Amino acid sequence: MVANGAYLGAGSKVMKNGRSVPLSVIRFKQLERMGFVQGVSDMLMIVPRGTKVGLSLELKSAKGRVSDDQEQMLALFSVQGWATAVAFSFDEAVGAITRYLNTGDPAKIT
């Protein structure tokens, strides 16, 4: 998965046009040409439940924050009939997925 940047080669640099350019910038430009859109959630689960089309799940570290692009994309998914959630730990992610699969609502506790 590349949405969280882990695959983009953080710290690696290459020479391009006589300049040292972070490898992540080059890879991101390649991803953009392939249709990558900033802000799209890390996990899209296209499994209808109840009235929801699927689950859009943004994954963050414990100290992470949701960017403006991600907030806008989560709102767009929500308007289009998706359940949305942000998880700040593995346990939160598993809980949101489990609740979504069981109830159609990642926030609902059963």
Foldseek 3Di string as FASTA:
>chain_A
DPLVPPPLQPPDWDADPNDTDRSSVVVVVVVVVVPDDHQQAPDWAQDDDDQARTEGEHEAALPGDRDPSVVVNQVVNVVVRHAYYYDHDPVLVVQLVVCCVVHVHSPDDD
